[in-house]
N, C-alpha and C. Protein backbone atom coordinates (compact mmCIF):
# COMPACT_ATOMS: atom_id res chain seq x y z
N GLN A 1 98.31 132.04 153.64
CA GLN A 1 97.23 131.08 153.78
C GLN A 1 97.60 129.79 153.05
N LEU A 2 97.38 128.67 153.72
CA LEU A 2 97.74 127.38 153.14
C LEU A 2 96.83 127.06 151.97
N GLN A 3 97.41 126.69 150.85
CA GLN A 3 96.65 126.27 149.68
C GLN A 3 97.09 124.87 149.28
N LEU A 4 96.12 123.98 149.11
CA LEU A 4 96.42 122.59 148.80
C LEU A 4 96.06 122.29 147.35
N VAL A 5 96.88 121.44 146.74
CA VAL A 5 96.65 121.04 145.36
C VAL A 5 96.75 119.52 145.27
N GLU A 6 95.65 118.88 144.83
CA GLU A 6 95.66 117.44 144.65
C GLU A 6 95.99 117.10 143.19
N SER A 7 96.55 115.94 143.00
CA SER A 7 96.80 115.42 141.66
C SER A 7 96.86 113.91 141.71
N GLY A 8 96.83 113.28 140.54
CA GLY A 8 96.98 111.84 140.47
C GLY A 8 95.71 111.08 140.16
N GLY A 9 94.59 111.77 140.12
CA GLY A 9 93.35 111.08 139.79
C GLY A 9 93.31 110.66 138.33
N GLY A 10 92.31 109.84 138.01
CA GLY A 10 92.17 109.40 136.63
C GLY A 10 91.27 108.19 136.53
N LEU A 11 91.30 107.57 135.37
CA LEU A 11 90.49 106.38 135.11
C LEU A 11 91.36 105.14 135.27
N VAL A 12 90.87 104.18 136.03
CA VAL A 12 91.61 102.95 136.26
C VAL A 12 90.63 101.79 136.28
N GLN A 13 91.09 100.63 135.86
CA GLN A 13 90.24 99.45 135.87
C GLN A 13 90.13 98.88 137.27
N PRO A 14 89.05 98.16 137.56
CA PRO A 14 88.95 97.49 138.87
C PRO A 14 90.17 96.61 139.11
N GLY A 15 90.66 96.66 140.35
CA GLY A 15 91.86 95.93 140.71
C GLY A 15 93.14 96.71 140.48
N GLY A 16 93.04 97.84 139.82
CA GLY A 16 94.21 98.66 139.53
C GLY A 16 94.62 99.55 140.68
N SER A 17 95.62 100.38 140.42
CA SER A 17 96.19 101.25 141.46
C SER A 17 96.32 102.67 140.96
N LEU A 18 96.26 103.59 141.90
CA LEU A 18 96.54 105.00 141.65
C LEU A 18 97.23 105.56 142.88
N ARG A 19 98.03 106.59 142.67
CA ARG A 19 98.63 107.31 143.79
C ARG A 19 98.23 108.77 143.69
N LEU A 20 97.53 109.24 144.70
CA LEU A 20 97.15 110.64 144.77
C LEU A 20 98.19 111.42 145.55
N SER A 21 98.38 112.67 145.16
CA SER A 21 99.32 113.55 145.83
C SER A 21 98.60 114.80 146.33
N CYS A 22 99.02 115.27 147.48
CA CYS A 22 98.51 116.52 148.04
C CYS A 22 99.72 117.39 148.35
N GLU A 23 99.82 118.50 147.64
CA GLU A 23 100.95 119.41 147.83
C GLU A 23 100.45 120.76 148.32
N ALA A 24 101.36 121.47 148.97
CA ALA A 24 101.03 122.82 149.44
C ALA A 24 101.64 123.84 148.50
N SER A 25 100.84 124.83 148.18
CA SER A 25 101.31 125.90 147.32
C SER A 25 101.82 127.05 148.19
N LYS A 26 103.08 127.37 148.04
CA LYS A 26 103.70 128.51 148.72
C LYS A 26 103.73 128.37 150.23
N SER A 27 103.73 127.12 150.74
CA SER A 27 103.78 126.96 152.18
C SER A 27 104.26 125.55 152.50
N TYR A 28 104.37 125.24 153.78
CA TYR A 28 104.80 123.91 154.21
C TYR A 28 103.62 123.15 154.78
N LEU A 29 103.57 121.86 154.46
CA LEU A 29 102.51 121.03 155.01
C LEU A 29 102.74 120.73 156.48
N TYR A 30 103.98 120.59 156.87
CA TYR A 30 104.27 120.37 158.29
C TYR A 30 104.04 121.66 159.04
N PRO A 31 103.38 121.65 160.23
CA PRO A 31 102.98 120.49 161.04
C PRO A 31 101.51 120.12 160.91
N TYR A 32 100.91 120.46 159.77
CA TYR A 32 99.50 120.15 159.60
C TYR A 32 99.25 118.64 159.52
N ALA A 33 98.19 118.21 160.18
CA ALA A 33 97.65 116.89 159.90
C ALA A 33 96.94 116.98 158.56
N ILE A 34 97.04 115.92 157.77
CA ILE A 34 96.44 115.90 156.44
C ILE A 34 95.46 114.75 156.34
N GLY A 35 94.31 115.03 155.79
CA GLY A 35 93.31 113.99 155.59
C GLY A 35 92.89 113.90 154.14
N TRP A 36 92.57 112.69 153.73
CA TRP A 36 91.96 112.47 152.41
C TRP A 36 90.48 112.14 152.63
N PHE A 37 89.64 112.81 151.86
CA PHE A 37 88.21 112.62 151.93
C PHE A 37 87.70 112.39 150.52
N ARG A 38 86.50 111.82 150.41
CA ARG A 38 85.95 111.62 149.08
C ARG A 38 84.46 111.88 149.10
N GLN A 39 83.96 112.22 147.93
CA GLN A 39 82.53 112.52 147.83
C GLN A 39 82.03 112.14 146.44
N VAL A 40 80.86 111.53 146.42
CA VAL A 40 80.15 111.27 145.17
C VAL A 40 78.88 112.10 145.18
N PRO A 41 78.37 112.46 144.00
CA PRO A 41 77.16 113.28 143.95
C PRO A 41 76.01 112.62 144.70
N GLY A 42 75.34 113.43 145.52
CA GLY A 42 74.19 112.94 146.26
C GLY A 42 74.52 112.26 147.57
N LYS A 43 75.80 112.14 147.88
CA LYS A 43 76.20 111.51 149.13
C LYS A 43 77.06 112.45 149.95
N GLU A 44 77.09 112.21 151.24
CA GLU A 44 77.93 113.04 152.10
C GLU A 44 79.40 112.72 151.89
N ARG A 45 80.21 113.72 152.13
CA ARG A 45 81.66 113.51 152.07
C ARG A 45 82.07 112.58 153.20
N GLU A 46 83.01 111.69 152.93
CA GLU A 46 83.45 110.74 153.94
C GLU A 46 84.96 110.73 154.06
N GLY A 47 85.43 110.53 155.27
CA GLY A 47 86.86 110.45 155.51
C GLY A 47 87.42 109.14 155.02
N VAL A 48 88.55 109.19 154.35
CA VAL A 48 89.20 107.99 153.81
C VAL A 48 90.40 107.61 154.66
N SER A 49 91.30 108.56 154.83
CA SER A 49 92.51 108.29 155.60
C SER A 49 93.12 109.61 156.05
N CYS A 50 93.72 109.60 157.23
CA CYS A 50 94.32 110.81 157.78
C CYS A 50 95.68 110.48 158.39
N ILE A 51 96.57 111.47 158.38
CA ILE A 51 97.91 111.28 158.90
C ILE A 51 98.30 112.49 159.73
N SER A 52 99.00 112.26 160.83
CA SER A 52 99.41 113.35 161.71
C SER A 52 100.52 114.17 161.08
N GLY A 53 100.81 115.31 161.70
CA GLY A 53 101.84 116.18 161.17
C GLY A 53 103.20 115.52 161.08
N SER A 54 103.53 114.69 162.05
CA SER A 54 104.82 114.00 162.04
C SER A 54 104.81 112.79 161.12
N GLY A 55 103.62 112.30 160.82
CA GLY A 55 103.51 111.06 160.04
C GLY A 55 103.46 109.82 160.92
N GLY A 56 103.55 110.01 162.24
CA GLY A 56 103.60 108.88 163.14
C GLY A 56 102.27 108.23 163.44
N SER A 57 101.20 108.95 163.18
CA SER A 57 99.85 108.41 163.43
C SER A 57 99.04 108.44 162.16
N THR A 58 98.34 107.35 161.91
CA THR A 58 97.48 107.29 160.74
C THR A 58 96.13 106.67 161.11
N HIS A 59 95.15 106.95 160.32
CA HIS A 59 93.82 106.37 160.51
C HIS A 59 93.24 106.03 159.15
N TYR A 60 92.56 104.90 159.08
CA TYR A 60 91.94 104.49 157.83
C TYR A 60 90.47 104.15 158.07
N ALA A 61 89.64 104.52 157.13
CA ALA A 61 88.26 104.07 157.16
C ALA A 61 88.24 102.57 156.92
N ASP A 62 87.26 101.89 157.50
CA ASP A 62 87.20 100.43 157.37
C ASP A 62 87.16 99.99 155.91
N PHE A 63 86.51 100.78 155.07
CA PHE A 63 86.32 100.35 153.68
C PHE A 63 87.58 100.46 152.83
N VAL A 64 88.68 101.00 153.37
CA VAL A 64 89.93 101.05 152.61
C VAL A 64 91.09 100.35 153.32
N LYS A 65 90.86 99.86 154.52
CA LYS A 65 91.93 99.18 155.25
C LYS A 65 92.47 98.00 154.46
N GLY A 66 93.78 97.93 154.39
CA GLY A 66 94.43 96.87 153.66
C GLY A 66 94.60 97.14 152.18
N ARG A 67 93.96 98.21 151.68
CA ARG A 67 94.06 98.55 150.26
C ARG A 67 94.74 99.89 150.03
N PHE A 68 94.51 100.85 150.91
CA PHE A 68 95.06 102.21 150.76
C PHE A 68 96.14 102.43 151.82
N THR A 69 97.13 103.24 151.45
CA THR A 69 98.18 103.62 152.38
C THR A 69 98.42 105.11 152.27
N ILE A 70 98.42 105.79 153.42
CA ILE A 70 98.73 107.21 153.45
C ILE A 70 100.13 107.40 154.00
N PHE A 71 100.89 108.29 153.39
CA PHE A 71 102.22 108.58 153.91
C PHE A 71 102.62 109.98 153.45
N ARG A 72 103.60 110.53 154.13
CA ARG A 72 104.02 111.87 153.77
C ARG A 72 105.54 111.92 153.60
N ASP A 73 105.96 112.75 152.67
CA ASP A 73 107.38 112.96 152.40
C ASP A 73 107.66 114.42 152.73
N HIS A 74 108.28 114.64 153.87
CA HIS A 74 108.53 116.02 154.30
C HIS A 74 109.48 116.74 153.35
N ALA A 75 110.44 116.03 152.80
CA ALA A 75 111.40 116.66 151.89
C ALA A 75 110.71 117.17 150.62
N LYS A 76 109.68 116.43 150.19
CA LYS A 76 108.94 116.83 148.98
C LYS A 76 107.70 117.65 149.32
N ASN A 77 107.47 117.85 150.63
CA ASN A 77 106.32 118.64 151.06
C ASN A 77 105.02 118.12 150.46
N THR A 78 104.87 116.80 150.51
CA THR A 78 103.74 116.15 149.84
C THR A 78 103.20 115.02 150.73
N VAL A 79 101.89 114.85 150.70
CA VAL A 79 101.25 113.71 151.32
C VAL A 79 100.62 112.88 150.20
N TYR A 80 100.82 111.58 150.30
CA TYR A 80 100.35 110.68 149.26
C TYR A 80 99.26 109.74 149.79
N LEU A 81 98.42 109.31 148.88
CA LEU A 81 97.46 108.25 149.16
C LEU A 81 97.64 107.19 148.08
N GLN A 82 98.28 106.09 148.47
CA GLN A 82 98.46 104.98 147.54
C GLN A 82 97.22 104.11 147.60
N MET A 83 96.58 103.96 146.47
CA MET A 83 95.32 103.21 146.41
C MET A 83 95.51 101.98 145.54
N ASN A 84 95.41 100.82 146.16
CA ASN A 84 95.54 99.55 145.45
C ASN A 84 94.22 98.79 145.48
N SER A 85 94.11 97.78 144.63
CA SER A 85 92.91 96.95 144.58
C SER A 85 91.65 97.80 144.50
N LEU A 86 91.67 98.75 143.62
CA LEU A 86 90.55 99.68 143.52
C LEU A 86 89.28 98.98 143.05
N LYS A 87 88.16 99.47 143.59
CA LYS A 87 86.84 98.92 143.28
C LYS A 87 85.99 100.02 142.65
N PRO A 88 84.98 99.63 141.89
CA PRO A 88 84.10 100.66 141.31
C PRO A 88 83.51 101.59 142.36
N GLU A 89 83.25 101.08 143.55
CA GLU A 89 82.69 101.93 144.60
C GLU A 89 83.68 102.93 145.17
N ASP A 90 84.92 102.86 144.75
CA ASP A 90 85.91 103.87 145.15
C ASP A 90 85.82 105.11 144.25
N THR A 91 85.01 105.04 143.21
CA THR A 91 84.84 106.17 142.32
C THR A 91 84.29 107.37 143.08
N ALA A 92 84.98 108.50 143.00
CA ALA A 92 84.59 109.70 143.73
C ALA A 92 85.56 110.82 143.41
N VAL A 93 85.21 112.02 143.85
CA VAL A 93 86.18 113.11 143.86
C VAL A 93 86.90 113.04 145.21
N TYR A 94 88.20 113.00 145.15
CA TYR A 94 89.02 112.90 146.35
C TYR A 94 89.61 114.27 146.67
N TYR A 95 89.47 114.65 147.93
CA TYR A 95 89.97 115.93 148.41
C TYR A 95 90.98 115.71 149.52
N CYS A 96 91.98 116.56 149.59
CA CYS A 96 92.82 116.56 150.78
C CYS A 96 92.51 117.81 151.59
N ALA A 97 92.69 117.68 152.89
CA ALA A 97 92.43 118.78 153.80
C ALA A 97 93.55 118.83 154.83
N ALA A 98 93.76 120.02 155.38
CA ALA A 98 94.82 120.22 156.36
C ALA A 98 94.25 120.90 157.60
N ASP A 99 94.80 120.51 158.75
CA ASP A 99 94.37 121.15 159.99
C ASP A 99 95.45 120.99 161.05
N ARG A 100 95.55 121.97 161.92
CA ARG A 100 96.54 121.92 162.99
C ARG A 100 95.93 121.56 164.33
N SER A 101 94.70 121.03 164.28
CA SER A 101 94.02 120.66 165.52
C SER A 101 94.76 119.56 166.25
N ILE A 102 94.62 119.54 167.58
CA ILE A 102 95.24 118.50 168.39
C ILE A 102 94.27 117.36 168.68
N LEU A 103 93.12 117.37 168.01
CA LEU A 103 92.12 116.34 168.31
C LEU A 103 92.52 114.96 167.82
N GLY A 104 93.44 114.88 166.87
CA GLY A 104 93.89 113.58 166.42
C GLY A 104 93.38 113.18 165.05
N VAL A 105 94.01 112.17 164.47
CA VAL A 105 93.70 111.79 163.10
C VAL A 105 92.34 111.12 162.98
N ARG A 106 91.93 110.39 164.01
CA ARG A 106 90.62 109.76 163.91
C ARG A 106 89.52 110.81 163.92
N ALA A 107 89.65 111.81 164.80
CA ALA A 107 88.67 112.89 164.83
C ALA A 107 88.63 113.61 163.50
N MET A 108 89.79 113.79 162.90
CA MET A 108 89.85 114.46 161.60
C MET A 108 89.08 113.66 160.55
N CYS A 109 89.36 112.37 160.49
CA CYS A 109 88.69 111.52 159.50
C CYS A 109 87.19 111.37 159.78
N ASP A 110 86.82 111.44 161.04
CA ASP A 110 85.40 111.30 161.40
C ASP A 110 84.61 112.58 161.16
N GLY A 111 85.30 113.63 160.73
CA GLY A 111 84.61 114.88 160.45
C GLY A 111 84.33 115.72 161.68
N ASP A 112 85.05 115.45 162.77
CA ASP A 112 84.83 116.19 164.01
C ASP A 112 85.51 117.55 164.03
N ILE A 113 86.34 117.81 163.04
CA ILE A 113 87.03 119.10 162.96
C ILE A 113 86.36 119.91 161.86
N ASN A 114 85.71 120.98 162.25
CA ASN A 114 84.98 121.79 161.29
C ASN A 114 84.97 123.24 161.75
N PRO A 115 85.50 124.16 160.97
CA PRO A 115 86.05 123.91 159.64
C PRO A 115 87.52 123.50 159.67
N MET A 116 87.97 122.86 158.62
CA MET A 116 89.39 122.56 158.46
C MET A 116 90.12 123.85 158.08
N ASP A 117 91.43 123.85 158.32
CA ASP A 117 92.22 125.03 157.97
C ASP A 117 92.28 125.25 156.45
N ALA A 118 92.28 124.15 155.68
CA ALA A 118 92.37 124.30 154.23
C ALA A 118 91.85 123.06 153.53
N TRP A 119 91.32 123.26 152.34
CA TRP A 119 90.87 122.17 151.47
C TRP A 119 91.47 122.36 150.08
N GLY A 120 91.71 121.24 149.43
CA GLY A 120 92.11 121.31 148.03
C GLY A 120 90.88 121.34 147.14
N GLN A 121 91.13 121.40 145.83
CA GLN A 121 90.04 121.52 144.88
C GLN A 121 89.47 120.18 144.44
N GLY A 122 90.17 119.10 144.76
CA GLY A 122 89.70 117.77 144.45
C GLY A 122 90.28 117.21 143.17
N THR A 123 90.35 115.88 143.13
CA THR A 123 90.79 115.17 141.93
C THR A 123 89.88 113.96 141.74
N LEU A 124 89.43 113.75 140.50
CA LEU A 124 88.45 112.71 140.23
C LEU A 124 89.12 111.36 140.03
N VAL A 125 88.61 110.37 140.73
CA VAL A 125 89.05 108.99 140.55
C VAL A 125 87.86 108.20 140.02
N THR A 126 88.07 107.55 138.88
CA THR A 126 87.01 106.74 138.29
C THR A 126 87.53 105.32 138.12
N VAL A 127 86.83 104.38 138.75
CA VAL A 127 87.22 102.97 138.66
C VAL A 127 86.15 102.26 137.83
N SER A 128 86.54 101.88 136.64
CA SER A 128 85.57 101.29 135.72
C SER A 128 86.28 100.48 134.66
N SER A 129 85.62 99.43 134.20
CA SER A 129 86.16 98.62 133.12
C SER A 129 85.62 99.10 131.77
């Protein structure tokens, strides 16, 4: 069974950067599509960015376009979310999820795939001065 582990969260000042990592424990991430999602207390979870199994297709939520970049390193069996120009409203618990659905990365980020094959435990990102 695929197990995902996120890391890289922490406290950062507005305008700063963080890189989140999503790794698989005892398995390979390929050919799973991987998505990053975030959630704050009292709000629904929202899709941030998703990447296809090959890495050739990506999708970004409008609120992170131009600031976040998703990419995967097959050799390191890791998917990354590079977050630049962070804002206080980016504060949330960030989760990665994996799925082998053929519906595509946009469907994945839009929450159209339920349930996902696997979820990580989350990593907290706090953007504050």
